[in-house]
Protein backbone atom coordinates (compact mmCIF):
# COMPACT_ATOMS: atom_id res chain seq x y z
CA UNK A 1 -46.98 -78.76 -6.23
CA UNK A 2 -50.28 -80.38 -7.02
CA UNK A 3 -51.48 -81.85 -10.31
CA UNK A 4 -54.98 -82.75 -11.46
CA UNK A 5 -56.18 -84.61 -14.50
CA UNK A 6 -59.44 -83.39 -16.02
CA UNK A 7 -61.39 -85.67 -18.36
CA UNK A 8 -63.56 -83.83 -20.85
CA UNK A 9 -66.80 -84.93 -22.45
CA UNK A 10 -64.94 -86.42 -25.42
CA UNK A 11 -63.40 -89.76 -24.86
CA UNK A 12 -59.66 -89.68 -24.45
CA UNK A 13 -59.38 -85.85 -23.99
CA UNK A 14 -57.02 -85.12 -21.11
CA UNK A 15 -55.88 -81.70 -19.90
CA UNK A 16 -53.07 -81.42 -17.38
CA UNK A 17 -53.07 -78.44 -15.03
CA UNK A 18 -50.02 -77.62 -12.92
CA UNK A 19 -50.47 -75.49 -9.85
CA UNK A 20 -47.60 -73.45 -8.38
CA UNK A 21 -48.23 -71.56 -5.21
CA UNK A 22 -51.95 -72.11 -5.35
CA UNK A 23 -52.56 -70.62 -8.87
CA UNK A 24 -53.60 -72.86 -11.76
CA UNK A 25 -51.54 -72.24 -14.91
CA UNK A 26 -52.56 -74.55 -17.77
CA UNK A 27 -49.68 -76.27 -19.51
CA UNK A 28 -46.91 -74.76 -17.31
CA UNK A 29 -44.51 -76.98 -15.39
CA UNK A 30 -43.48 -74.16 -13.07
CA UNK A 31 -44.45 -70.56 -12.31
CA UNK A 32 -42.76 -67.68 -10.55
CA UNK A 33 -44.82 -64.75 -9.25
CA UNK A 34 -43.36 -61.42 -8.24
CA UNK A 35 -43.33 -57.67 -8.29
CA UNK A 36 -40.92 -55.32 -10.10
CA UNK A 37 -39.62 -52.04 -8.59
CA UNK A 38 -41.93 -50.05 -10.92
CA UNK A 39 -44.93 -51.75 -9.34
CA UNK A 40 -45.72 -54.10 -12.21
CA UNK A 41 -46.55 -57.75 -11.55
CA UNK A 42 -45.25 -60.79 -13.40
CA UNK A 43 -45.91 -64.51 -13.71
CA UNK A 44 -43.21 -66.37 -15.61
CA UNK A 45 -42.18 -70.02 -16.08
CA UNK A 46 -38.65 -69.72 -14.72
CA UNK A 47 -36.52 -67.18 -12.84
CA UNK A 48 -34.43 -66.36 -15.93
CA UNK A 49 -37.55 -64.83 -17.50
CA UNK A 50 -38.13 -62.27 -14.72
CA UNK A 51 -38.42 -58.92 -16.62
CA UNK A 52 -36.66 -56.67 -14.08
CA UNK A 53 -33.81 -56.44 -11.58
CA UNK A 54 -34.30 -56.45 -7.79
CA UNK A 55 -37.74 -57.98 -8.08
CA UNK A 56 -39.54 -59.42 -5.08
CA UNK A 57 -40.74 -62.98 -5.58
CA UNK A 58 -43.93 -63.68 -3.63
CA UNK A 59 -46.59 -66.28 -3.36
CA UNK A 60 -49.78 -65.46 -5.26
CA UNK A 61 -51.67 -64.97 -2.02
CA UNK A 62 -49.07 -62.37 -0.96
CA UNK A 63 -49.52 -60.12 -3.98
CA UNK A 64 -50.92 -56.80 -2.67
CA UNK A 65 -54.09 -55.33 -4.17
CA UNK A 66 -53.36 -53.34 -7.33
CA UNK A 67 -54.78 -49.99 -6.35
CA UNK A 68 -54.47 -47.02 -8.76
CA UNK A 69 -51.61 -45.49 -6.86
CA UNK A 70 -49.65 -48.77 -7.16
CA UNK A 71 -50.14 -49.23 -10.91
CA UNK A 72 -47.31 -48.52 -13.38
CA UNK A 73 -47.92 -46.39 -16.47
CA UNK A 74 -50.52 -48.24 -18.55
CA UNK A 75 -49.26 -49.79 -21.74
CA UNK A 76 -52.02 -48.09 -23.72
CA UNK A 77 -50.69 -44.71 -22.50
CA UNK A 78 -47.23 -45.60 -23.81
CA UNK A 79 -48.75 -46.58 -27.15
CA UNK A 80 -50.70 -43.30 -27.36
CA UNK A 81 -47.60 -41.22 -26.59
CA UNK A 82 -45.57 -43.10 -29.21
CA UNK A 83 -48.25 -42.55 -31.84
CA UNK A 84 -48.66 -38.82 -31.06
CA UNK A 85 -45.08 -37.84 -30.31
CA UNK A 86 -44.29 -35.00 -32.76
CA UNK A 87 -40.57 -35.85 -32.55
CA UNK A 88 -41.08 -39.42 -33.66
CA UNK A 89 -39.78 -39.61 -37.28
CA UNK A 90 -42.46 -42.16 -38.04
CA UNK A 91 -45.11 -39.51 -37.26
CA UNK A 92 -43.26 -36.68 -39.00
CA UNK A 93 -43.91 -38.26 -42.40
CA UNK A 94 -47.69 -38.02 -42.01
CA UNK A 95 -47.44 -34.51 -40.56
CA UNK A 96 -45.27 -33.33 -43.48
CA UNK A 97 -47.77 -34.73 -45.96
CA UNK A 98 -50.59 -32.89 -44.24
CA UNK A 99 -48.64 -29.63 -44.27
CA UNK A 100 -47.97 -29.97 -48.01
CA UNK A 101 -51.66 -30.71 -48.72
CA UNK A 102 -52.60 -27.79 -46.49
CA UNK A 103 -50.39 -25.37 -48.37
CA UNK A 104 -51.52 -26.63 -51.77
CA UNK A 105 -55.16 -25.96 -50.75
CA UNK A 106 -54.50 -22.32 -49.87
CA UNK A 107 -55.75 -19.68 -52.35
CA UNK A 108 -53.28 -19.09 -55.16
CA UNK A 109 -52.24 -15.49 -54.63
CA UNK A 110 -48.89 -13.69 -55.01
CA UNK A 111 -48.71 -13.26 -51.23
CA UNK A 112 -50.03 -16.65 -50.16
CA UNK A 113 -49.13 -17.42 -46.54
CA UNK A 114 -46.34 -19.88 -46.07
CA UNK A 115 -44.71 -18.91 -49.41
CA UNK A 116 -41.93 -16.41 -49.86
CA UNK A 117 -42.95 -13.31 -51.80
CA UNK A 118 -41.25 -13.11 -55.20
CA UNK A 119 -38.32 -10.67 -55.34
CA UNK A 120 -38.85 -7.34 -57.15
CA UNK A 121 -37.94 -7.51 -60.84
CA UNK A 122 -38.61 -3.90 -61.81
CA UNK A 123 -40.38 -0.72 -61.01
CA UNK A 124 -43.81 -2.35 -61.37
CA UNK A 125 -43.07 -4.81 -58.60
CA UNK A 126 -41.70 -2.33 -56.08
CA UNK A 127 -42.67 -3.22 -52.54
CA UNK A 128 -45.76 -1.37 -51.27
CA UNK A 129 -46.21 -0.56 -47.54
CA UNK A 130 -48.89 -2.70 -45.94
CA UNK A 131 -50.88 0.31 -44.70
CA UNK A 132 -51.15 1.74 -48.19
CA UNK A 133 -51.85 -1.58 -49.85
CA UNK A 134 -54.68 -2.53 -47.51
CA UNK A 135 -56.62 0.64 -48.22
CA UNK A 136 -57.55 -0.79 -51.59
CA UNK A 137 -58.69 -4.08 -50.02
CA UNK A 138 -62.42 -4.04 -49.31
CA UNK A 139 -65.16 -6.62 -48.87
CA UNK A 140 -67.72 -7.41 -51.48
CA UNK A 141 -70.92 -5.42 -51.43
CA UNK A 142 -72.83 -7.66 -49.01
CA UNK A 143 -75.80 -5.35 -48.69
CA UNK A 144 -75.44 -4.97 -44.91
CA UNK A 145 -76.90 -1.80 -43.46
CA UNK A 146 -75.71 -0.01 -40.34
CA UNK A 147 -78.07 -1.88 -38.07
CA UNK A 148 -76.96 -5.24 -39.40
CA UNK A 149 -73.34 -4.26 -38.86
CA UNK A 150 -74.13 -3.27 -35.27
CA UNK A 151 -75.92 -6.60 -34.77
CA UNK A 152 -72.90 -8.46 -36.09
CA UNK A 153 -70.61 -6.54 -33.75
CA UNK A 154 -72.93 -7.44 -30.87
CA UNK A 155 -72.80 -11.11 -31.85
CA UNK A 156 -68.99 -11.04 -31.47
CA UNK A 157 -69.35 -9.44 -28.04
CA UNK A 158 -71.97 -11.90 -26.78
CA UNK A 159 -70.06 -14.89 -28.14
CA UNK A 160 -67.23 -14.14 -25.69
CA UNK A 161 -69.46 -15.43 -22.87
CA UNK A 162 -69.82 -18.91 -24.40
CA UNK A 163 -66.75 -19.20 -26.63
CA UNK A 164 -64.16 -16.71 -25.43
CA UNK A 165 -61.58 -15.67 -28.01
CA UNK A 166 -60.36 -12.25 -26.90
CA UNK A 167 -57.02 -10.48 -26.61
CA UNK A 168 -56.38 -7.10 -24.95
CA UNK A 169 -53.11 -5.18 -24.77
CA UNK A 170 -51.94 -1.68 -23.88
CA UNK A 171 -51.76 0.85 -26.68
CA UNK A 172 -48.41 2.13 -27.91
CA UNK A 173 -48.54 5.13 -25.55
CA UNK A 174 -49.47 2.90 -22.61
CA UNK A 175 -52.51 4.94 -21.79
CA UNK A 176 -55.23 2.83 -23.34
CA UNK A 177 -56.25 -0.72 -24.19
CA UNK A 178 -56.72 -2.16 -27.64
CA UNK A 179 -59.03 -5.19 -27.82
CA UNK A 180 -59.41 -7.80 -30.51
CA UNK A 181 -62.07 -10.52 -30.45
CA UNK A 182 -63.13 -13.35 -32.75
CA UNK A 183 -66.40 -15.24 -33.16
CA UNK A 184 -68.27 -17.29 -35.71
CA UNK A 185 -71.59 -16.27 -37.21
CA UNK A 186 -73.22 -18.91 -39.37
CA UNK A 187 -75.70 -16.33 -40.74
CA UNK A 188 -72.92 -13.97 -41.87
CA UNK A 189 -70.99 -16.87 -43.39
CA UNK A 190 -74.02 -17.76 -45.51
CA UNK A 191 -74.33 -14.13 -46.72
CA UNK A 192 -70.62 -14.01 -47.60
CA UNK A 193 -70.71 -17.28 -49.51
CA UNK A 194 -73.77 -16.22 -51.50
CA UNK A 195 -72.01 -12.99 -52.46
CA UNK A 196 -68.94 -14.92 -53.62
CA UNK A 197 -70.89 -17.62 -55.43
CA UNK A 198 -70.92 -15.60 -58.69
CA UNK A 199 -67.25 -14.59 -58.28
CA UNK A 200 -65.50 -17.93 -58.14
CA UNK A 201 -66.61 -18.90 -54.62
CA UNK A 202 -64.74 -19.19 -51.33
CA UNK A 203 -62.84 -22.09 -49.85
CA UNK A 204 -64.71 -24.69 -47.86
CA UNK A 205 -63.32 -23.63 -44.49
CA UNK A 206 -65.15 -21.76 -41.75
CA UNK A 207 -65.53 -17.97 -41.66
CA UNK A 208 -64.61 -16.07 -38.50
CA UNK A 209 -65.59 -12.49 -37.75
CA UNK A 210 -63.12 -10.28 -35.83
CA UNK A 211 -63.45 -6.88 -34.19
CA UNK A 212 -60.89 -4.39 -32.99
CA UNK A 213 -61.40 -1.24 -30.92
CA UNK A 214 -59.39 1.26 -28.94
CA UNK A 215 -60.22 4.37 -26.88
CA UNK A 216 -57.03 6.08 -28.01
CA UNK A 217 -55.32 6.59 -31.40
CA UNK A 218 -53.53 3.41 -32.42
CA UNK A 219 -52.28 1.58 -35.51
CA UNK A 220 -53.95 -1.73 -36.26
CA UNK A 221 -53.10 -4.27 -38.92
CA UNK A 222 -54.76 -7.66 -39.04
CA UNK A 223 -51.52 -9.55 -38.31
CA UNK A 224 -53.27 -12.78 -37.45
CA UNK A 225 -51.95 -16.33 -37.35
CA UNK A 226 -54.15 -19.35 -36.74
CA UNK A 227 -52.42 -22.49 -35.46
CA UNK A 228 -53.94 -25.94 -34.95
CA UNK A 229 -51.62 -28.82 -34.27
CA UNK A 230 -48.79 -28.66 -36.83
CA UNK A 231 -50.80 -26.48 -39.24
CA UNK A 232 -50.51 -22.71 -39.30
CA UNK A 233 -52.29 -20.13 -41.42
CA UNK A 234 -51.77 -16.39 -41.89
CA UNK A 235 -54.60 -14.74 -43.85
CA UNK A 236 -53.40 -12.37 -46.54
CA UNK A 237 -54.80 -8.84 -46.04
CA UNK A 238 -54.31 -8.24 -49.79
CA UNK A 239 -56.80 -10.95 -50.72
CA UNK A 240 -60.51 -10.48 -49.79
CA UNK A 241 -61.00 -14.24 -50.26
CA UNK A 242 -58.93 -14.61 -47.08
CA UNK A 243 -59.50 -11.41 -45.15
CA UNK A 244 -61.92 -8.51 -45.66
CA UNK A 245 -62.94 -5.39 -43.77
CA UNK A 246 -66.62 -4.78 -43.10
CA UNK A 247 -66.36 -1.62 -41.05
CA UNK A 248 -63.50 0.80 -40.47
CA UNK A 249 -60.06 0.29 -41.98
CA UNK A 250 -56.61 -1.04 -41.30
CA UNK A 251 -53.75 1.29 -40.46
CA UNK A 252 -53.85 4.36 -38.22
CA UNK A 253 -57.09 4.58 -36.25
CA UNK A 254 -58.58 7.48 -34.36
CA UNK A 255 -59.63 7.11 -30.74
CA UNK A 256 -62.88 5.20 -30.50
CA UNK A 257 -62.73 3.93 -34.07
CA UNK A 258 -63.95 0.37 -34.56
CA UNK A 259 -62.70 -2.17 -37.09
CA UNK A 260 -64.69 -5.25 -38.02
CA UNK A 261 -63.81 -7.83 -40.62
CA UNK A 262 -63.76 -11.50 -41.49
CA UNK A 263 -61.20 -14.27 -42.00
CA UNK A 264 -61.81 -17.30 -44.22
CA UNK A 265 -60.02 -20.33 -42.81
CA UNK A 266 -58.72 -23.32 -44.80
CA UNK A 267 -60.67 -26.56 -44.80
CA UNK A 268 -58.15 -28.37 -42.61
CA UNK A 269 -58.72 -26.06 -39.59
CA UNK A 270 -61.73 -27.14 -37.53
CA UNK A 271 -63.41 -24.68 -35.14
CA UNK A 272 -64.77 -27.61 -33.13
CA UNK A 273 -61.22 -28.29 -31.91
CA UNK A 274 -58.83 -26.12 -29.92
CA UNK A 275 -56.86 -23.63 -31.98
CA UNK A 276 -54.44 -20.82 -31.17
CA UNK A 277 -55.22 -17.34 -32.42
CA UNK A 278 -52.20 -15.03 -32.56
CA UNK A 279 -52.32 -11.26 -32.92
CA UNK A 280 -48.77 -9.97 -33.14
CA UNK A 281 -47.07 -11.43 -30.01
CA UNK A 282 -50.30 -12.20 -28.13
CA UNK A 283 -52.13 -15.52 -28.17
CA UNK A 284 -55.46 -16.90 -27.11
CA UNK A 285 -56.42 -20.54 -27.23
CA UNK A 286 -60.06 -20.98 -28.13
CA UNK A 287 -62.65 -23.44 -29.35
CA UNK A 288 -65.19 -21.30 -31.16
CA UNK A 289 -68.39 -23.01 -30.15
CA UNK A 290 -66.98 -24.41 -26.88
CA UNK A 291 -66.15 -22.94 -23.50
CA UNK A 292 -62.38 -23.24 -23.35
CA UNK A 293 -59.89 -20.38 -23.56
CA UNK A 294 -56.43 -19.51 -22.20
CA UNK A 295 -54.62 -16.25 -22.96
CA UNK A 296 -50.89 -15.60 -22.92
């Protein structure tokens, strides 16, 4: 062991440096260098402080180069996992608060998603089949002519090339394919918001246009669920502030009939981030405005 005394510029300032194995460690009387079985390195003052069992003590000049394949899991990665682990009770508190705020921000309707429908209390509240109820649900008069509706339908089709959000499944008879697609149109969203401005307005979330088509007769109901992180949203087909039909209808469709409508999302759901779009038991992961998609 070698020891030097270094005299600084100030008179009387002395710093002692102790060297163990060729490495200068200020203020330490002894140093032990080694490697743990997980590949991590350590430098401690005494053997009792070695942080692992079965370590290999080596001289500093014998420490191998720390290449990426030799490195243990970074500490920052452990910190990130701890902070984002959905099963960590510490994180569940914040998630629960966000879910409550999310539900409180949903439109206040008798069939609001996430809330149980009130039980029937008399003849006036008898349950109505969805197919019959949705016939009375229509969009506001947006002033869109046939050509503008065709253009909007084309926008949804072309958007699948850049921001794919598309689900296809066999029809009930197994002889055809029913397709549903989603896209965002900023121009249509502006038209919709202007129309609602004199009727109480819409929420501040994004508006998504959807289309559905089949070559064979099929029943179609907009049974959509949007999931992002721990937040989930099911638009209510009874409320045009959440879901409206621009062309066609919900229910039993003839072969070749096209349905086109819109969904108004809550503020907390961001289209710039990945989200899962569910239609019945099918799912597509999409980033409307990005290029990422995965269907199941």
